[in-house]
Amino acid sequence: NTGAKSIEPFKKIVKPKKWLALVRDFNFTPYPQSFSLRADVDRYYSRLINRNNDNPNTIVPILYDKNFTMNRVYDVRWDLTKSLKIDYQATTNARIDEPVGRIDKNEDPSKVDTIQSNFINLGRTTNYTQITNVNYTLPLNKIPVLDWVTASARYTANYGWVTAPPATKSLGNTIQNSQNYSYTGQFNMVNLYNKIPALRRINQNQTGKPQPQKQDESEEEGDDGKGNKKKKKKKQNNSLNGFGTTLARTLMMLRNASFTYTATKGTTLPGFQHTPLYMGNDAERNAPGWDFVFGSQDPEIRYRMAREGFLSTNPQQNSIFTQTSRKDFSGSATLEPFKDFRVELRFARNHTQNVQSIFRFDDTTGQFQDFGFQETGSFQIGISTLRTALEKKEVSTSSKSFTQFLNNRFVIAQRFAAEDPRSVGATQSGFPKGYNDKNQDVLISSFLAAYTGKNAQDQKLDLFPRMPFPSIRINYNGLSRLKSVQKYASSVTLSSFYSSTYNVPQYMTILSRNDTAVSALDSNFFPQYEIRSV
């Protein structure tokens, strides 16, 4: 622990005024608060001599069991400012290789020298991992007009290196990294409203904490009871009247809101030829590169590594290259149009994408290429089906929405065809070529338009919508204030909940996809992704 303290250069220079708090409280720490290094060394050595009881003259080989490891852990914590904090931790697992056979300084001093040399060189790295965390809280509380907002960001980078087995060293090592970043925001709307005195008094009365109201005094003449006129003061209340209070309270129905956005991405790349030196990177060759070490997710990373000669050219390398991505968005808001009536909104959107292939050197072409490239994923988002949720069926097997779904197909098919230059002409059924009534993308877009109550001409053709519709929960507990209800129950709450989601459990690329031809099964163009159910 270094005992580093935060430096505030303007604290004694700038006056303590709220509009200057951001400058006055500026701070930094010149060096880390703590750093540590721990090394765990473990050596196991045993010798087993067996005896042949049947033939004592038989020479039985001596068996040796050796294991010499060194694990090193590095840890650094540095609060650059009170709002910006960094943590770094790295772990290295190494093996101290020993010569074969008996280790005896008197018998063979060179073996002992070899072990000592390997130990001084910190052994042969077999596994390396590191984690970097960066946390930042925006100093919005130092800005008076924004002190009702709280916002923070977090970034985490992981890096790992695993050595190849000694018998297959030519296949290369495996490296992997991941990044996780998230943004969080909270908006306390009540604190914003309270910046206006009249609105603050309304909110304080609503929370059961009445505050004394400012009153103006005016003079008027009166009788003192003895026939003498005397001026007396008349108090006037500046508070809003009943209608104004109700209107203001309705306009302030949004009480708070918040959101969280999180993205997690990762890459695993086999066949890497080099060894980590400083902070996981071979600085001399810049392999795999500082960007990769600290979590960068380049979709072309495998090609860049191949161009720079960092990957094994052994054609027998068959480990899988993968890239994963998950993006989650959630938000919430609370509305209170009037007392005891609360509406809670929840927004959510989740999207997962995974890419994998066997990326190796091809003897035939003399180049690196992907074999069996495939993309998979899943998707979920909140949507609104309020317009069609309560409709009645026309007959036992149909409904207005289903009939509309069937009718939407022709309009949606025409819109897809208009954007695709491959579609020329029409089929016997009248549908555009490549987009008939059984086309996957046509069916999904028609389905969404029908059950969300939209016109097929206005429906977006994106199978993965961007903006979620919230789930809605309504609570009313005003009945608890009625004396007739209080006789039988201490609390009564009426609640209603609505939620509707559009879910794609799994989608994947079609390995046999041909962008210039149609499917032999249904005469449709191959979609970008195969979606089996929604």
Protein backbone atom coordinates (compact mmCIF):
# COMPACT_ATOMS: atom_id res chain seq x y z
CA ASN A 1 0.00 0.00 0.00
CA THR A 2 1.63 3.24 -1.14
CA GLY A 3 -0.64 5.51 0.86
CA ALA A 4 -1.24 7.69 -2.20
CA LYS A 5 -3.58 10.58 -1.52
CA SER A 6 -5.76 12.54 -3.88
CA ILE A 7 -4.50 16.00 -4.85
CA GLU A 8 -7.00 18.85 -5.16
CA PRO A 9 -5.07 21.80 -6.64
CA PHE A 10 -7.99 24.27 -6.71
CA LYS A 11 -9.57 23.52 -3.34
CA LYS A 12 -7.99 26.50 -1.58
CA ILE A 13 -8.08 28.78 -4.60
CA VAL A 14 -11.70 28.55 -5.75
CA LYS A 15 -14.46 29.73 -3.42
CA PRO A 16 -16.92 27.10 -2.17
CA LYS A 17 -19.82 28.02 -4.43
CA LYS A 18 -22.11 25.44 -5.99
CA TRP A 19 -21.54 26.66 -9.56
CA LEU A 20 -17.77 26.31 -9.08
CA ALA A 21 -17.86 22.88 -7.37
CA LEU A 22 -16.75 21.06 -10.53
CA VAL A 23 -13.56 23.14 -10.72
CA ARG A 24 -12.98 23.37 -6.98
CA ASP A 25 -13.27 19.61 -6.46
CA PHE A 26 -11.03 18.65 -9.41
CA ASN A 27 -8.64 15.98 -8.16
CA PHE A 28 -6.11 13.38 -9.27
CA THR A 29 -3.80 10.79 -7.75
CA PRO A 30 -0.26 10.82 -9.19
CA TYR A 31 0.53 7.14 -8.56
CA PRO A 32 -1.28 3.88 -7.67
CA GLN A 33 -2.74 3.39 -4.21
CA SER A 34 -1.46 -0.17 -4.05
CA PHE A 35 0.38 -2.81 -6.01
CA SER A 36 1.40 -6.31 -5.04
CA LEU A 37 3.36 -9.28 -6.35
CA ARG A 38 2.94 -12.78 -5.03
CA ALA A 39 4.87 -15.85 -6.16
CA ASP A 40 3.93 -19.41 -5.17
CA VAL A 41 6.60 -22.01 -5.84
CA ASP A 42 5.83 -25.71 -5.45
CA ARG A 43 8.20 -28.59 -6.17
CA TYR A 44 7.43 -32.28 -5.90
CA TYR A 45 10.12 -34.90 -6.46
CA SER A 46 9.88 -38.62 -5.77
CA ARG A 47 11.84 -41.73 -6.73
CA LEU A 48 10.36 -45.24 -6.77
CA ILE A 49 12.60 -48.32 -6.75
CA ASN A 50 10.89 -51.67 -7.26
CA ARG A 51 12.42 -55.03 -6.32
CA ASN A 52 11.97 -58.23 -8.31
CA ASN A 53 11.50 -60.99 -5.72
CA ASP A 54 11.51 -63.76 -8.33
CA ASN A 55 14.87 -62.82 -9.80
CA PRO A 56 16.92 -60.45 -7.64
CA ASN A 57 19.48 -60.11 -10.45
CA THR A 58 16.94 -58.48 -12.76
CA ILE A 59 17.50 -54.75 -13.17
CA VAL A 60 14.26 -52.86 -12.58
CA PRO A 61 14.20 -49.27 -13.86
CA ILE A 62 13.86 -46.51 -11.31
CA LEU A 63 10.70 -44.37 -11.70
CA TYR A 64 10.81 -40.61 -11.11
CA ASP A 65 7.83 -38.34 -10.50
CA LYS A 66 8.56 -34.61 -10.77
CA ASN A 67 6.47 -31.48 -10.71
CA PHE A 68 7.98 -28.03 -10.33
CA THR A 69 5.63 -25.05 -10.78
CA MET A 70 5.70 -21.32 -10.19
CA ASN A 71 2.55 -19.17 -10.04
CA ARG A 72 2.85 -15.38 -10.03
CA VAL A 73 0.06 -12.92 -9.29
CA TYR A 74 0.28 -9.18 -10.01
CA ASP A 75 -2.24 -6.69 -8.68
CA VAL A 76 -2.46 -2.90 -9.16
CA ARG A 77 -5.17 -0.51 -7.93
CA TRP A 78 -5.12 3.10 -9.07
CA ASP A 79 -7.83 5.68 -8.47
CA LEU A 80 -6.79 8.27 -11.03
CA THR A 81 -9.52 10.52 -9.67
CA LYS A 82 -12.32 10.01 -7.20
CA SER A 83 -14.58 9.28 -10.17
CA LEU A 84 -12.17 7.25 -12.35
CA LYS A 85 -10.85 3.99 -10.88
CA ILE A 86 -8.67 1.30 -12.45
CA ASP A 87 -7.94 -2.23 -11.24
CA TYR A 88 -5.50 -4.57 -12.94
CA GLN A 89 -4.70 -8.19 -12.06
CA ALA A 90 -2.58 -10.73 -13.92
CA THR A 91 -1.79 -14.37 -13.15
CA THR A 92 1.00 -16.39 -14.73
CA ASN A 93 1.24 -20.16 -14.36
CA ALA A 94 4.71 -21.46 -15.25
CA ARG A 95 6.51 -24.78 -15.14
CA ILE A 96 10.17 -25.19 -14.20
CA ASP A 97 11.31 -27.89 -16.61
CA GLU A 98 13.74 -30.49 -15.18
CA PRO A 99 16.12 -32.85 -16.99
CA VAL A 100 15.15 -36.51 -17.26
CA GLY A 101 16.27 -38.90 -14.56
CA ARG A 102 17.88 -38.50 -11.18
CA ILE A 103 18.80 -35.03 -9.95
CA ASP A 104 22.02 -35.17 -8.00
CA LYS A 105 24.56 -32.35 -7.86
CA ASN A 106 27.41 -34.72 -7.13
CA GLU A 107 26.45 -37.08 -9.91
CA ASP A 108 25.61 -34.58 -12.66
CA PRO A 109 26.01 -30.88 -11.77
CA SER A 110 24.75 -29.79 -15.22
CA LYS A 111 21.20 -30.96 -14.38
CA VAL A 112 21.12 -28.77 -11.30
CA ASP A 113 22.47 -25.84 -13.32
CA THR A 114 19.69 -26.35 -15.87
CA ILE A 115 17.01 -26.26 -13.18
CA GLN A 116 18.54 -23.15 -11.62
CA SER A 117 18.67 -21.42 -15.01
CA ASN A 118 15.03 -22.28 -15.72
CA PHE A 119 14.06 -21.03 -12.28
CA ILE A 120 15.88 -17.71 -12.72
CA ASN A 121 14.13 -17.26 -16.07
CA LEU A 122 10.80 -17.73 -14.21
CA GLY A 123 10.05 -21.01 -15.95
CA ARG A 124 8.07 -21.85 -19.06
CA THR A 125 4.69 -20.11 -19.17
CA THR A 126 1.79 -22.52 -19.59
CA ASN A 127 -1.14 -20.25 -18.83
CA TYR A 128 -1.59 -16.50 -18.56
CA THR A 129 -4.70 -14.48 -17.65
CA GLN A 130 -5.31 -10.83 -16.88
CA ILE A 131 -8.30 -8.67 -15.98
CA THR A 132 -8.57 -4.90 -16.29
CA ASN A 133 -11.48 -2.96 -14.76
CA VAL A 134 -12.20 0.71 -15.38
CA ASN A 135 -15.05 2.46 -13.56
CA TYR A 136 -16.12 6.05 -14.16
CA THR A 137 -18.90 8.02 -12.50
CA LEU A 138 -19.78 11.28 -14.20
CA PRO A 139 -19.50 14.17 -11.68
CA LEU A 140 -22.96 15.47 -12.52
CA ASN A 141 -23.68 16.12 -8.85
CA LYS A 142 -21.18 18.99 -9.10
CA ILE A 143 -23.33 20.75 -11.71
CA PRO A 144 -26.46 22.27 -10.13
CA VAL A 145 -28.64 22.01 -13.24
CA LEU A 146 -27.77 18.31 -13.67
CA ASP A 147 -27.54 17.06 -10.08
CA TRP A 148 -30.79 15.16 -10.57
CA VAL A 149 -29.02 12.81 -13.02
CA THR A 150 -26.68 9.96 -12.07
CA ALA A 151 -24.58 8.32 -14.78
CA SER A 152 -21.73 5.83 -14.72
CA ALA A 153 -19.73 3.67 -17.11
CA ARG A 154 -17.79 0.46 -16.60
CA TYR A 155 -15.32 -1.36 -18.83
CA THR A 156 -13.83 -4.80 -18.17
CA ALA A 157 -11.23 -6.46 -20.39
CA ASN A 158 -10.10 -10.08 -20.06
CA TYR A 159 -7.18 -11.70 -21.84
CA GLY A 160 -5.98 -15.29 -21.72
CA TRP A 161 -3.18 -17.35 -23.26
CA VAL A 162 -2.91 -21.16 -23.08
CA THR A 163 0.14 -23.05 -24.31
CA ALA A 164 -0.11 -25.87 -26.81
CA PRO A 165 0.52 -29.43 -25.55
CA PRO A 166 4.22 -30.36 -25.95
CA ALA A 167 3.35 -33.14 -28.41
CA THR A 168 1.44 -30.75 -30.72
CA LYS A 169 3.44 -27.57 -30.34
CA SER A 170 3.37 -26.96 -34.08
CA LEU A 171 -0.41 -26.40 -33.89
CA GLY A 172 0.18 -23.24 -31.89
CA ASN A 173 -1.17 -21.80 -28.66
CA THR A 174 -4.66 -20.47 -28.00
CA ILE A 175 -5.45 -16.87 -27.13
CA GLN A 176 -8.77 -15.41 -26.09
CA ASN A 177 -10.08 -12.06 -24.94
CA SER A 178 -13.35 -10.49 -23.96
CA GLN A 179 -14.73 -7.07 -23.21
CA ASN A 180 -17.70 -5.97 -21.19
CA TYR A 181 -18.87 -2.40 -21.12
CA SER A 182 -21.98 -0.99 -19.55
CA TYR A 183 -23.63 2.39 -19.20
CA THR A 184 -26.09 3.19 -16.45
CA GLY A 185 -28.21 6.29 -16.03
CA GLN A 186 -30.78 7.33 -13.44
CA PHE A 187 -33.05 10.38 -13.64
CA ASN A 188 -34.69 11.54 -10.41
CA MET A 189 -37.39 13.73 -11.87
CA VAL A 190 -38.69 14.78 -8.44
CA ASN A 191 -35.36 16.47 -7.70
CA LEU A 192 -35.68 18.29 -11.02
CA TYR A 193 -39.21 19.49 -10.25
CA ASN A 194 -38.15 20.59 -6.76
CA LYS A 195 -35.87 23.21 -8.25
CA ILE A 196 -39.03 25.28 -8.74
CA PRO A 197 -40.31 26.41 -5.30
CA ALA A 198 -44.02 26.10 -6.14
CA LEU A 199 -43.57 22.57 -7.47
CA ARG A 200 -41.43 21.65 -4.48
CA ARG A 201 -44.25 22.61 -2.10
CA ILE A 202 -46.67 20.42 -4.07
CA ASN A 203 -44.32 17.44 -3.93
CA GLN A 204 -43.69 17.91 -0.21
CA ASN A 205 -47.41 17.93 0.51
CA GLN A 206 -47.88 14.84 -1.63
CA THR A 207 -45.27 12.95 0.40
CA GLY A 208 -46.94 13.87 3.67
CA LYS A 209 -44.30 16.42 4.67
CA PRO A 210 -46.02 19.80 4.55
CA GLN A 211 -43.71 22.76 4.76
CA PRO A 212 -44.55 26.25 5.90
CA GLN A 213 -45.58 28.29 2.89
CA LYS A 214 -44.33 31.76 2.24
CA GLN A 215 -47.04 34.34 2.77
CA ASP A 216 -47.26 37.97 1.75
CA GLU A 217 -48.68 40.57 4.12
CA SER A 218 -50.94 43.49 3.15
CA GLU A 219 -52.57 46.14 5.27
CA GLU A 220 -56.28 46.94 5.54
CA GLU A 221 -58.34 49.12 7.85
CA GLY A 222 -60.50 47.63 10.61
CA ASP A 223 -62.36 48.49 13.84
CA ASP A 224 -60.61 47.86 17.17
CA GLY A 225 -63.99 47.46 19.00
CA LYS A 226 -63.91 50.95 20.55
CA GLY A 227 -64.94 52.84 17.48
CA ASN A 228 -61.36 53.51 16.46
CA LYS A 229 -60.05 52.50 13.09
CA LYS A 230 -56.88 50.51 13.12
CA LYS A 231 -54.75 49.08 10.36
CA LYS A 232 -54.20 45.39 10.55
CA LYS A 233 -52.17 42.99 8.46
CA LYS A 234 -53.79 40.50 6.14
CA LYS A 235 -51.91 37.36 5.14
CA GLN A 236 -52.03 36.22 1.55
CA ASN A 237 -51.07 32.68 0.47
CA ASN A 238 -49.00 32.39 -2.70
CA SER A 239 -49.58 28.67 -3.14
CA LEU A 240 -51.32 27.31 -6.21
CA ASN A 241 -55.07 26.82 -6.03
CA GLY A 242 -56.69 23.39 -6.19
CA PHE A 243 -56.96 23.21 -9.96
CA GLY A 244 -53.42 24.50 -10.42
CA THR A 245 -52.09 21.94 -7.96
CA THR A 246 -53.86 19.09 -9.74
CA LEU A 247 -52.63 20.28 -13.13
CA ALA A 248 -49.06 20.69 -11.91
CA ARG A 249 -49.13 17.25 -10.26
CA THR A 250 -50.36 15.70 -13.52
CA LEU A 251 -47.62 17.41 -15.52
CA MET A 252 -45.12 15.99 -13.01
CA MET A 253 -46.40 12.44 -13.43
CA LEU A 254 -42.98 11.15 -14.53
CA ARG A 255 -41.28 10.54 -11.18
CA ASN A 256 -38.12 8.68 -12.14
CA ALA A 257 -36.49 6.86 -15.03
CA SER A 258 -33.41 4.71 -15.52
CA PHE A 259 -31.62 2.66 -18.15
CA THR A 260 -28.79 0.14 -18.42
CA TYR A 261 -26.97 -0.87 -21.58
CA THR A 262 -24.53 -3.79 -21.42
CA ALA A 263 -22.47 -5.34 -24.19
CA THR A 264 -20.31 -8.44 -23.77
CA LYS A 265 -18.05 -9.61 -26.60
CA GLY A 266 -15.35 -12.25 -26.83
CA THR A 267 -12.87 -13.85 -29.24
CA THR A 268 -11.07 -17.20 -29.14
CA LEU A 269 -8.26 -17.72 -31.66
CA PRO A 270 -6.23 -20.95 -31.87
CA GLY A 271 -2.89 -21.40 -33.64
CA PHE A 272 -1.10 -18.41 -32.07
CA GLN A 273 2.67 -18.84 -32.26
CA HIS A 274 4.09 -16.42 -29.71
CA THR A 275 4.45 -16.23 -25.92
CA PRO A 276 3.24 -13.41 -23.63
CA LEU A 277 6.03 -11.25 -22.24
CA TYR A 278 4.89 -7.93 -20.79
CA MET A 279 1.25 -7.57 -19.72
CA GLY A 280 0.33 -10.44 -22.04
CA ASN A 281 1.90 -8.94 -25.15
CA ASP A 282 5.09 -9.74 -27.06
CA ALA A 283 6.13 -6.10 -27.30
CA GLU A 284 8.99 -6.75 -29.72
CA ARG A 285 6.64 -8.18 -32.35
CA ASN A 286 3.49 -6.52 -30.98
CA ALA A 287 1.84 -9.93 -30.89
CA PRO A 288 -1.10 -10.20 -30.49
CA GLY A 289 -1.19 -6.40 -30.04
CA TRP A 290 -2.15 -4.08 -27.20
CA ASP A 291 -5.63 -3.62 -28.64
CA PHE A 292 -6.34 -7.37 -28.44
CA VAL A 293 -4.81 -7.66 -24.96
CA PHE A 294 -7.18 -5.00 -23.64
CA GLY A 295 -10.35 -6.41 -25.17
CA SER A 296 -10.61 -5.11 -28.75
CA GLN A 297 -13.11 -7.08 -30.84
CA ASP A 298 -12.01 -6.81 -34.46
CA PRO A 299 -14.10 -9.06 -36.77
CA GLU A 300 -11.04 -9.25 -39.07
CA ILE A 301 -8.58 -10.17 -36.30
CA ARG A 302 -7.88 -13.67 -37.64
CA TYR A 303 -6.92 -12.30 -41.06
CA ARG A 304 -4.65 -9.66 -39.52
CA MET A 305 -2.89 -12.27 -37.38
CA ALA A 306 -2.41 -14.45 -40.45
CA ARG A 307 -0.96 -11.59 -42.52
CA GLU A 308 1.55 -10.73 -39.81
CA GLY A 309 2.70 -14.35 -39.50
CA PHE A 310 1.43 -14.89 -35.98
CA LEU A 311 -0.56 -18.07 -36.74
CA SER A 312 0.53 -21.65 -37.29
CA THR A 313 0.62 -22.83 -40.91
CA ASN A 314 0.07 -26.45 -39.93
CA PRO A 315 -2.95 -27.61 -42.03
CA GLN A 316 -3.90 -30.09 -39.28
CA GLN A 317 -4.96 -27.27 -36.98
CA ASN A 318 -8.69 -27.92 -36.48
CA SER A 319 -9.58 -25.96 -33.32
CA ILE A 320 -12.53 -23.62 -33.66
CA PHE A 321 -12.24 -19.85 -33.96
CA THR A 322 -15.18 -18.13 -32.24
CA GLN A 323 -16.50 -14.62 -31.69
CA THR A 324 -19.44 -13.97 -29.41
CA SER A 325 -21.54 -10.88 -28.80
CA ARG A 326 -24.42 -10.14 -26.46
CA LYS A 327 -26.13 -6.75 -26.18
CA ASP A 328 -28.72 -6.07 -23.50
CA PHE A 329 -30.76 -2.94 -23.01
CA SER A 330 -33.19 -2.40 -20.16
CA GLY A 331 -34.99 0.67 -18.96
CA SER A 332 -37.73 1.64 -16.57
CA ALA A 333 -39.93 4.61 -15.76
CA THR A 334 -42.47 5.33 -13.05
CA LEU A 335 -45.54 7.51 -13.67
CA GLU A 336 -47.88 8.86 -11.00
CA PRO A 337 -50.66 10.89 -12.66
CA PHE A 338 -52.34 11.36 -9.29
CA LYS A 339 -52.02 10.17 -5.74
CA ASP A 340 -52.15 6.39 -5.11
CA PHE A 341 -52.12 5.66 -8.86
CA ARG A 342 -48.82 4.33 -10.22
CA VAL A 343 -47.79 3.13 -13.67
CA GLU A 344 -44.51 1.23 -14.05
CA LEU A 345 -42.94 0.80 -17.49
CA ARG A 346 -40.21 -1.74 -18.26
CA PHE A 347 -38.24 -1.77 -21.52
CA ALA A 348 -36.06 -4.70 -22.63
CA ARG A 349 -34.10 -5.76 -25.70
CA ASN A 350 -31.61 -8.66 -25.91
CA HIS A 351 -29.56 -9.73 -28.92
CA THR A 352 -26.96 -12.52 -29.05
CA GLN A 353 -24.69 -13.23 -32.01
CA ASN A 354 -22.05 -15.95 -32.33
CA VAL A 355 -19.61 -16.60 -35.17
CA GLN A 356 -17.49 -19.72 -35.52
CA SER A 357 -15.31 -21.45 -38.08
CA ILE A 358 -12.17 -23.56 -38.44
CA PHE A 359 -9.66 -20.96 -39.55
CA ARG A 360 -6.48 -22.60 -40.82
CA PHE A 361 -3.89 -22.68 -43.57
CA ASP A 362 -5.03 -24.40 -46.76
CA ASP A 363 -2.28 -26.28 -48.63
CA THR A 364 -4.27 -26.16 -51.85
CA THR A 365 -4.63 -22.38 -52.09
CA GLY A 366 -1.59 -21.50 -50.00
CA GLN A 367 -3.70 -19.11 -47.92
CA PHE A 368 -5.60 -19.00 -44.64
CA GLN A 369 -9.35 -19.40 -44.94
CA ASP A 370 -12.52 -20.25 -43.02
CA PHE A 371 -13.97 -23.75 -43.14
CA GLY A 372 -17.57 -24.29 -42.01
CA PHE A 373 -18.22 -20.62 -41.25
CA GLN A 374 -21.51 -20.19 -39.40
CA GLU A 375 -23.30 -17.43 -37.54
CA THR A 376 -25.92 -18.14 -34.90
CA GLY A 377 -27.84 -16.08 -32.41
CA SER A 378 -31.07 -15.25 -30.63
CA PHE A 379 -33.22 -12.15 -30.21
CA GLN A 380 -35.94 -10.85 -27.91
CA ILE A 381 -37.70 -7.50 -27.64
CA GLY A 382 -40.88 -6.08 -26.20
CA ILE A 383 -43.59 -5.20 -28.76
CA SER A 384 -47.16 -3.88 -28.63
CA THR A 385 -50.03 -6.18 -29.54
CA LEU A 386 -52.64 -4.14 -27.68
CA ARG A 387 -54.65 -3.48 -30.84
CA THR A 388 -55.25 -7.16 -31.48
CA ALA A 389 -54.87 -8.80 -28.06
CA LEU A 390 -58.57 -8.82 -27.16
CA GLU A 391 -60.19 -9.42 -30.52
CA LYS A 392 -62.69 -12.24 -30.96
CA LYS A 393 -62.33 -15.09 -33.41
CA GLU A 394 -64.46 -14.93 -36.53
CA VAL A 395 -64.78 -18.70 -36.66
CA SER A 396 -63.43 -21.50 -34.52
CA THR A 397 -60.16 -21.70 -36.43
CA SER A 398 -59.50 -18.13 -37.51
CA SER A 399 -59.36 -14.51 -36.38
CA LYS A 400 -59.17 -11.08 -37.96
CA SER A 401 -55.44 -10.89 -37.23
CA PHE A 402 -54.73 -14.24 -38.86
CA THR A 403 -56.74 -13.27 -41.93
CA GLN A 404 -54.84 -9.99 -42.07
CA PHE A 405 -51.58 -11.92 -41.73
CA LEU A 406 -52.45 -13.95 -44.84
CA ASN A 407 -53.39 -10.80 -46.76
CA ASN A 408 -50.21 -8.98 -45.71
CA ARG A 409 -47.97 -11.50 -47.45
CA PHE A 410 -48.52 -10.12 -50.96
CA VAL A 411 -47.82 -6.51 -49.92
CA ILE A 412 -44.73 -7.45 -47.92
CA ALA A 413 -43.43 -9.68 -50.74
CA GLN A 414 -43.70 -6.80 -53.19
CA ARG A 415 -41.78 -4.52 -50.85
CA PHE A 416 -38.96 -7.07 -50.46
CA ALA A 417 -38.81 -7.58 -54.23
CA ALA A 418 -38.65 -3.84 -54.86
CA GLU A 419 -35.46 -3.66 -52.77
CA ASP A 420 -33.86 -6.75 -54.33
CA PRO A 421 -32.53 -6.44 -57.91
CA ARG A 422 -32.46 -10.24 -58.20
CA SER A 423 -36.26 -10.39 -58.22
CA VAL A 424 -37.50 -9.89 -61.78
CA GLY A 425 -41.02 -10.83 -62.88
CA ALA A 426 -43.70 -12.75 -61.07
CA THR A 427 -44.79 -16.33 -60.47
CA GLN A 428 -48.09 -17.87 -61.59
CA SER A 429 -49.62 -16.95 -58.23
CA GLY A 430 -48.76 -13.29 -58.80
CA PHE A 431 -46.08 -13.10 -56.13
CA PRO A 432 -42.65 -11.67 -57.11
CA LYS A 433 -40.04 -14.23 -58.11
CA GLY A 434 -37.99 -15.34 -55.12
CA TYR A 435 -40.57 -13.98 -52.66
CA ASN A 436 -43.64 -16.16 -52.70
CA ASP A 437 -46.23 -16.68 -49.99
CA LYS A 438 -43.98 -19.15 -48.10
CA ASN A 439 -40.85 -16.99 -48.01
CA GLN A 440 -39.48 -16.88 -44.46
CA ASP A 441 -38.84 -13.13 -44.29
CA VAL A 442 -42.21 -12.39 -45.91
CA LEU A 443 -44.02 -14.53 -43.34
CA ILE A 444 -42.28 -12.96 -40.33
CA SER A 445 -42.84 -9.36 -41.43
CA SER A 446 -46.46 -10.12 -42.33
CA PHE A 447 -46.96 -11.74 -38.93
CA LEU A 448 -45.54 -8.73 -37.06
CA ALA A 449 -47.64 -6.27 -39.06
CA ALA A 450 -50.85 -8.22 -38.51
CA TYR A 451 -50.54 -8.84 -34.77
CA THR A 452 -49.19 -5.38 -33.90
CA GLY A 453 -52.04 -3.78 -35.84
CA LYS A 454 -49.85 -1.96 -38.36
CA ASN A 455 -50.44 -1.39 -42.02
CA ALA A 456 -48.31 -3.72 -44.14
CA GLN A 457 -47.01 -0.71 -46.08
CA ASP A 458 -45.71 0.86 -42.87
CA GLN A 459 -44.19 -2.26 -41.32
CA LYS A 460 -40.38 -2.15 -41.17
CA LEU A 461 -38.75 -5.06 -42.96
CA ASP A 462 -36.03 -5.39 -40.31
CA LEU A 463 -36.42 -8.78 -38.58
CA PHE A 464 -34.66 -7.41 -35.49
CA PRO A 465 -36.47 -4.21 -34.38
CA ARG A 466 -34.43 -1.63 -32.50
CA MET A 467 -36.91 0.18 -30.24
CA PRO A 468 -38.66 -1.92 -27.56
CA PHE A 469 -42.22 -1.36 -26.38
CA PRO A 470 -42.55 -1.46 -22.59
CA SER A 471 -44.37 -3.87 -20.37
CA ILE A 472 -46.94 -1.99 -18.29
CA ARG A 473 -47.93 -2.52 -14.67
CA ILE A 474 -50.71 -0.37 -13.14
CA ASN A 475 -51.27 -0.24 -9.38
CA TYR A 476 -53.99 1.64 -7.52
CA ASN A 477 -54.28 1.56 -3.73
CA GLY A 478 -56.58 4.51 -3.15
CA LEU A 479 -59.37 2.21 -1.91
CA SER A 480 -57.37 1.72 1.28
CA ARG A 481 -58.29 5.28 2.28
CA LEU A 482 -62.03 4.54 2.34
CA LYS A 483 -63.37 3.97 5.84
CA SER A 484 -65.78 1.33 4.56
CA VAL A 485 -62.81 -0.63 3.22
CA GLN A 486 -60.62 -0.12 6.29
CA LYS A 487 -63.16 -2.04 8.36
CA TYR A 488 -62.31 -5.22 6.46
CA ALA A 489 -58.75 -4.78 5.16
CA SER A 490 -55.73 -2.70 6.07
CA SER A 491 -54.59 -2.49 2.46
CA VAL A 492 -56.27 -3.05 -0.91
CA THR A 493 -54.38 -2.78 -4.19
CA LEU A 494 -55.82 -3.10 -7.67
CA SER A 495 -53.19 -4.22 -10.15
CA SER A 496 -53.05 -4.88 -13.88
CA PHE A 497 -50.09 -6.07 -15.96
CA TYR A 498 -49.43 -6.17 -19.69
CA SER A 499 -46.44 -7.62 -21.51
CA SER A 500 -45.86 -8.81 -25.07
CA THR A 501 -42.57 -9.98 -26.57
CA TYR A 502 -41.26 -10.88 -29.99
CA ASN A 503 -38.84 -13.77 -29.52
CA VAL A 504 -36.50 -15.48 -31.98
CA PRO A 505 -35.15 -18.47 -30.01
CA GLN A 506 -32.44 -19.21 -32.56
CA TYR A 507 -31.29 -18.11 -35.98
CA MET A 508 -28.36 -19.36 -38.03
CA THR A 509 -26.75 -18.97 -41.40
CA ILE A 510 -27.42 -21.60 -44.06
CA LEU A 511 -24.18 -23.39 -44.99
CA SER A 512 -25.49 -24.23 -48.46
CA ARG A 513 -26.71 -20.69 -49.11
CA ASN A 514 -26.37 -19.40 -52.67
CA ASP A 515 -27.08 -15.70 -53.17
CA THR A 516 -27.53 -16.06 -56.92
CA ALA A 517 -30.02 -18.94 -56.93
CA VAL A 518 -33.35 -19.89 -55.40
CA SER A 519 -34.10 -22.82 -53.14
CA ALA A 520 -35.14 -25.99 -54.92
CA LEU A 521 -37.66 -26.69 -52.15
CA ASP A 522 -39.87 -23.59 -52.39
CA SER A 523 -38.39 -21.41 -55.19
CA ASN A 524 -37.49 -18.66 -52.73
CA PHE A 525 -34.25 -16.73 -52.39
CA PHE A 526 -32.13 -17.99 -49.53
CA PRO A 527 -32.60 -15.71 -46.49
CA GLN A 528 -29.62 -14.29 -44.64
CA TYR A 529 -30.57 -16.35 -41.58
CA GLU A 530 -32.64 -19.46 -41.13
CA ILE A 531 -35.29 -18.81 -38.45
CA ARG A 532 -37.31 -21.86 -37.51
CA SER A 533 -39.78 -20.23 -35.16
CA VAL A 534 -40.82 -16.87 -33.72
